């Protein structure tokens, strides 16, 4: 009888060890997947640093025509969407640009066409936001790659157009 009780204790200990090892493996797999996804998202956004920016030379507010000129430059990277946010003291106006030419209300290309799209790789575009009746406090551009919306550049050195 003594041998049977000892076998029961050994089996119980072995089962507990197995449960702990299996639980650890499951938790490790879930955490690894979550961390890898987070790192991939951060890497995509990190690759954008300095590659999508506001060109200050062609960005200005035209108070005579209530228009905001926003010049965007894209470096050696492909982006899926670009958000332009023109902020005022108490509100903001935003525009969503894609790779497909489309018409966006109150936004024109500098060449006065209604077909708006993201600048191609290693190029830039100047956009004219119309009906801007208040001097903006800042402009933010936020690029999106895949499902990752990245923090963009905040541009505050807005001057008047001459």
C-alpha atoms as a PDB file:
ATOM      1  CA  UNK A   1       0.000   0.000   0.000  1.00  0.00           C
ATOM      2  CA  UNK A   2       2.817   2.422   0.742  1.00  0.00           C
ATOM      3  CA  UNK A   3       4.156   2.191  -2.818  1.00  0.00           C
ATOM      4  CA  UNK A   4       0.764   3.137  -4.332  1.00  0.00           C
ATOM      5  CA  UNK A   5       0.560   6.337  -2.238  1.00  0.00           C
ATOM      6  CA  UNK A   6       4.055   7.321  -3.347  1.00  0.00           C
ATOM      7  CA  UNK A   7       3.144   6.773  -7.014  1.00  0.00           C
ATOM      8  CA  UNK A   8       0.070   8.961  -6.592  1.00  0.00           C
ATOM      9  CA  UNK A   9       2.185  11.814  -5.193  1.00  0.00           C
ATOM     10  CA  UNK A  10       4.728  11.507  -8.032  1.00  0.00           C
ATOM     11  CA  UNK A  11       1.966  11.598 -10.664  1.00  0.00           C
ATOM     12  CA  UNK A  12       0.410  14.654  -8.996  1.00  0.00           C
ATOM     13  CA  UNK A  13       3.752  16.478  -8.961  1.00  0.00           C
ATOM     14  CA  UNK A  14       4.382  15.542 -12.616  1.00  0.00           C
ATOM     15  CA  UNK A  15       0.924  16.831 -13.616  1.00  0.00           C
ATOM     16  CA  UNK A  16       1.522  20.127 -11.759  1.00  0.00           C
ATOM     17  CA  UNK A  17       4.888  20.551 -13.477  1.00  0.00           C
ATOM     18  CA  UNK A  18       3.276  19.840 -16.857  1.00  0.00           C
ATOM     19  CA  UNK A  19       0.495  22.394 -16.216  1.00  0.00           C
ATOM     20  CA  UNK A  20       3.036  25.057 -15.202  1.00  0.00           C
ATOM     21  CA  UNK A  21       5.221  24.412 -18.266  1.00  0.00           C
ATOM     22  CA  UNK A  22       2.209  24.398 -20.633  1.00  0.00           C
ATOM     23  CA  UNK A  23       0.834  27.604 -19.077  1.00  0.00           C
ATOM     24  CA  UNK A  24       4.211  29.304 -19.368  1.00  0.00           C
ATOM     25  CA  UNK A  25       4.475  28.282 -23.029  1.00  0.00           C
ATOM     26  CA  UNK A  26       1.015  29.659 -23.826  1.00  0.00           C
ATOM     27  CA  UNK A  27       1.669  32.961 -22.036  1.00  0.00           C
ATOM     28  CA  UNK A  28       5.082  33.263 -23.749  1.00  0.00           C
ATOM     29  CA  UNK A  29       3.520  32.736 -27.188  1.00  0.00           C
ATOM     30  CA  UNK A  30       0.818  35.392 -26.599  1.00  0.00           C
ATOM     31  CA  UNK A  31       3.296  37.939 -25.211  1.00  0.00           C
ATOM     32  CA  UNK A  32       5.795  37.346 -28.024  1.00  0.00           C
ATOM     33  CA  UNK A  33       3.115  37.905 -30.674  1.00  0.00           C
ATOM     34  CA  UNK A  34       1.900  41.101 -28.984  1.00  0.00           C
ATOM     35  CA  UNK A  35       5.406  42.509 -28.584  1.00  0.00           C
ATOM     36  CA  UNK A  36       6.349  41.637 -32.190  1.00  0.00           C
ATOM     37  CA  UNK A  37       3.244  43.422 -33.524  1.00  0.00           C
ATOM     38  CA  UNK A  38       4.021  46.488 -31.407  1.00  0.00           C
ATOM     39  CA  UNK A  39       7.632  46.530 -32.573  1.00  0.00           C
ATOM     40  CA  UNK A  40       6.583  46.257 -36.234  1.00  0.00           C
ATOM     41  CA  UNK A  41       4.222  49.231 -35.813  1.00  0.00           C
ATOM     42  CA  UNK A  42       6.919  51.264 -34.083  1.00  0.00           C
ATOM     43  CA  UNK A  43       9.453  50.352 -36.791  1.00  0.00           C
ATOM     44  CA  UNK A  44       7.091  51.534 -39.555  1.00  0.00           C
ATOM     45  CA  UNK A  45       6.604  54.868 -37.810  1.00  0.00           C
ATOM     46  CA  UNK A  46      10.308  55.149 -36.963  1.00  0.00           C
ATOM     47  CA  UNK A  47      11.141  54.745 -40.665  1.00  0.00           C
ATOM     48  CA  UNK A  48       9.025  57.855 -41.373  1.00  0.00           C
ATOM     49  CA  UNK A  49      11.066  60.220 -39.204  1.00  0.00           C
ATOM     50  CA  UNK A  50      12.261  63.077 -41.381  1.00  0.00           C
ATOM     51  CA  UNK A  51      10.757  61.577 -44.544  1.00  0.00           C
ATOM     52  CA  UNK A  52       7.381  63.336 -44.452  1.00  0.00           C
ATOM     53  CA  UNK A  53       7.583  67.031 -43.646  1.00  0.00           C
ATOM     54  CA  UNK A  54       6.142  70.481 -44.166  1.00  0.00           C
ATOM     55  CA  UNK A  55       8.161  72.670 -46.520  1.00  0.00           C
ATOM     56  CA  UNK A  56       8.252  76.005 -44.684  1.00  0.00           C
ATOM     57  CA  UNK A  57       9.281  77.925 -47.808  1.00  0.00           C
ATOM     58  CA  UNK A  58       5.883  77.387 -49.443  1.00  0.00           C
ATOM     59  CA  UNK A  59       3.648  77.171 -46.380  1.00  0.00           C
ATOM     60  CA  UNK A  60       1.839  80.375 -45.467  1.00  0.00           C
ATOM     61  CA  UNK A  61      -1.513  82.001 -44.703  1.00  0.00           C
ATOM     62  CA  UNK A  62      -3.078  84.259 -47.342  1.00  0.00           C
ATOM     63  CA  UNK A  63      -5.366  86.535 -45.338  1.00  0.00           C
ATOM     64  CA  UNK A  64      -6.539  88.445 -48.424  1.00  0.00           C
ATOM     65  CA  UNK A  65      -8.097  85.283 -49.896  1.00  0.00           C
ATOM     66  CA  UNK A  66      -8.730  83.312 -46.673  1.00  0.00           C
ATOM     67  CA  UNK A  67      -6.465  80.495 -47.867  1.00  0.00           C
ATOM     68  CA  UNK A  68      -3.776  78.397 -46.247  1.00  0.00           C
ATOM     69  CA  UNK A  69      -0.945  77.125 -48.433  1.00  0.00           C
ATOM     70  CA  UNK A  70       0.524  73.872 -47.122  1.00  0.00           C
ATOM     71  CA  UNK A  71       3.548  72.363 -48.856  1.00  0.00           C
ATOM     72  CA  UNK A  72       4.274  68.710 -48.056  1.00  0.00           C
ATOM     73  CA  UNK A  73       7.433  66.816 -48.985  1.00  0.00           C
ATOM     74  CA  UNK A  74       7.711  63.032 -49.007  1.00  0.00           C
ATOM     75  CA  UNK A  75      11.136  61.374 -48.989  1.00  0.00           C
ATOM     76  CA  UNK A  76      12.158  57.873 -49.976  1.00  0.00           C
ATOM     77  CA  UNK A  77       9.097  56.143 -48.527  1.00  0.00           C
ATOM     78  CA  UNK A  78       5.632  55.110 -49.668  1.00  0.00           C
ATOM     79  CA  UNK A  79       2.692  56.062 -47.480  1.00  0.00           C
ATOM     80  CA  UNK A  80      -0.937  54.959 -47.764  1.00  0.00           C
ATOM     81  CA  UNK A  81      -2.707  58.009 -46.346  1.00  0.00           C
ATOM     82  CA  UNK A  82      -1.775  61.464 -45.149  1.00  0.00           C
ATOM     83  CA  UNK A  83      -3.751  63.586 -42.724  1.00  0.00           C
ATOM     84  CA  UNK A  84      -3.302  67.353 -42.745  1.00  0.00           C
ATOM     85  CA  UNK A  85      -4.690  69.118 -39.684  1.00  0.00           C
ATOM     86  CA  UNK A  86      -4.841  72.909 -39.634  1.00  0.00           C
ATOM     87  CA  UNK A  87      -5.373  73.935 -36.020  1.00  0.00           C
ATOM     88  CA  UNK A  88      -6.708  77.197 -34.654  1.00  0.00           C
ATOM     89  CA  UNK A  89      -6.982  78.381 -31.083  1.00  0.00           C
ATOM     90  CA  UNK A  90     -10.265  76.556 -30.393  1.00  0.00           C
ATOM     91  CA  UNK A  91     -10.869  74.278 -33.395  1.00  0.00           C
ATOM     92  CA  UNK A  92      -9.259  72.524 -36.353  1.00  0.00           C
ATOM     93  CA  UNK A  93      -9.823  71.630 -39.987  1.00  0.00           C
ATOM     94  CA  UNK A  94      -8.556  68.301 -41.280  1.00  0.00           C
ATOM     95  CA  UNK A  95      -8.057  66.694 -44.661  1.00  0.00           C
ATOM     96  CA  UNK A  96      -7.421  63.039 -45.531  1.00  0.00           C
ATOM     97  CA  UNK A  97      -5.304  62.397 -48.630  1.00  0.00           C
ATOM     98  CA  UNK A  98      -4.858  59.012 -50.282  1.00  0.00           C
ATOM     99  CA  UNK A  99      -2.841  57.622 -53.199  1.00  0.00           C
ATOM    100  CA  UNK A 100      -5.902  57.862 -55.458  1.00  0.00           C
ATOM    101  CA  UNK A 101      -6.702  61.208 -57.081  1.00  0.00           C
ATOM    102  CA  UNK A 102      -9.914  62.504 -55.551  1.00  0.00           C
ATOM    103  CA  UNK A 103     -11.835  65.690 -54.916  1.00  0.00           C
ATOM    104  CA  UNK A 104     -11.680  67.015 -51.357  1.00  0.00           C
ATOM    105  CA  UNK A 105     -13.932  69.856 -50.237  1.00  0.00           C
ATOM    106  CA  UNK A 106     -12.061  73.121 -49.549  1.00  0.00           C
ATOM    107  CA  UNK A 107      -8.714  71.715 -50.756  1.00  0.00           C
ATOM    108  CA  UNK A 108      -6.976  72.358 -54.089  1.00  0.00           C
ATOM    109  CA  UNK A 109      -3.612  71.569 -55.606  1.00  0.00           C
ATOM    110  CA  UNK A 110      -1.365  74.543 -56.213  1.00  0.00           C
ATOM    111  CA  UNK A 111      -2.020  74.120 -59.940  1.00  0.00           C
ATOM    112  CA  UNK A 112      -5.705  74.795 -59.066  1.00  0.00           C
ATOM    113  CA  UNK A 113      -6.931  71.308 -59.937  1.00  0.00           C
ATOM    114  CA  UNK A 114      -9.515  69.569 -57.829  1.00  0.00           C
ATOM    115  CA  UNK A 115      -7.766  66.201 -58.018  1.00  0.00           C
ATOM    116  CA  UNK A 116      -5.872  65.718 -54.752  1.00  0.00           C
ATOM    117  CA  UNK A 117      -3.530  62.865 -53.815  1.00  0.00           C
ATOM    118  CA  UNK A 118      -0.471  62.193 -51.660  1.00  0.00           C
ATOM    119  CA  UNK A 119       2.843  63.311 -53.177  1.00  0.00           C
ATOM    120  CA  UNK A 120       4.779  60.477 -54.786  1.00  0.00           C
ATOM    121  CA  UNK A 121       7.983  59.082 -53.314  1.00  0.00           C
ATOM    122  CA  UNK A 122      10.808  61.673 -53.302  1.00  0.00           C
ATOM    123  CA  UNK A 123       8.539  64.553 -54.294  1.00  0.00           C
ATOM    124  CA  UNK A 124       6.298  67.224 -52.866  1.00  0.00           C
ATOM    125  CA  UNK A 125       3.028  69.051 -53.435  1.00  0.00           C
ATOM    126  CA  UNK A 126       1.556  72.321 -52.311  1.00  0.00           C
ATOM    127  CA  UNK A 127      -2.091  72.345 -51.343  1.00  0.00           C
ATOM    128  CA  UNK A 128      -4.420  75.297 -50.877  1.00  0.00           C
ATOM    129  CA  UNK A 129      -6.975  75.014 -48.094  1.00  0.00           C
ATOM    130  CA  UNK A 130      -9.789  77.438 -48.858  1.00  0.00           C
ATOM    131  CA  UNK A 131     -12.273  79.125 -46.508  1.00  0.00           C
ATOM    132  CA  UNK A 132      -9.660  79.535 -43.774  1.00  0.00           C
ATOM    133  CA  UNK A 133     -10.984  82.663 -42.063  1.00  0.00           C
ATOM    134  CA  UNK A 134      -8.775  82.525 -38.985  1.00  0.00           C
ATOM    135  CA  UNK A 135      -4.984  82.576 -38.692  1.00  0.00           C
ATOM    136  CA  UNK A 136      -3.888  78.995 -37.887  1.00  0.00           C
ATOM    137  CA  UNK A 137      -1.792  78.273 -34.809  1.00  0.00           C
ATOM    138  CA  UNK A 138      -0.264  75.076 -36.224  1.00  0.00           C
ATOM    139  CA  UNK A 139      -0.297  72.510 -38.988  1.00  0.00           C
ATOM    140  CA  UNK A 140       0.210  68.831 -38.322  1.00  0.00           C
ATOM    141  CA  UNK A 141       0.798  66.175 -40.935  1.00  0.00           C
ATOM    142  CA  UNK A 142       0.275  62.566 -39.900  1.00  0.00           C
ATOM    143  CA  UNK A 143       1.200  59.775 -42.328  1.00  0.00           C
ATOM    144  CA  UNK A 144      -0.366  56.339 -42.280  1.00  0.00           C
ATOM    145  CA  UNK A 145       1.299  53.113 -43.411  1.00  0.00           C
ATOM    146  CA  UNK A 146      -1.001  50.117 -43.496  1.00  0.00           C
ATOM    147  CA  UNK A 147      -3.076  50.269 -40.335  1.00  0.00           C
ATOM    148  CA  UNK A 148      -0.493  52.347 -38.451  1.00  0.00           C
ATOM    149  CA  UNK A 149      -1.260  56.047 -38.049  1.00  0.00           C
ATOM    150  CA  UNK A 150       2.008  57.651 -37.023  1.00  0.00           C
ATOM    151  CA  UNK A 151       2.703  60.859 -35.184  1.00  0.00           C
ATOM    152  CA  UNK A 152       3.535  63.485 -37.709  1.00  0.00           C
ATOM    153  CA  UNK A 153       5.384  66.745 -37.841  1.00  0.00           C
ATOM    154  CA  UNK A 154       3.891  69.710 -35.993  1.00  0.00           C
ATOM    155  CA  UNK A 155       4.613  72.946 -37.854  1.00  0.00           C
ATOM    156  CA  UNK A 156       4.063  76.198 -35.954  1.00  0.00           C
ATOM    157  CA  UNK A 157       6.201  78.706 -37.859  1.00  0.00           C
ATOM    158  CA  UNK A 158       3.329  79.922 -40.039  1.00  0.00           C
ATOM    159  CA  UNK A 159       3.782  83.241 -41.753  1.00  0.00           C
ATOM    160  CA  UNK A 160       1.706  85.393 -44.051  1.00  0.00           C
ATOM    161  CA  UNK A 161       1.983  84.947 -47.819  1.00  0.00           C
ATOM    162  CA  UNK A 162       3.655  87.818 -49.643  1.00  0.00           C
END
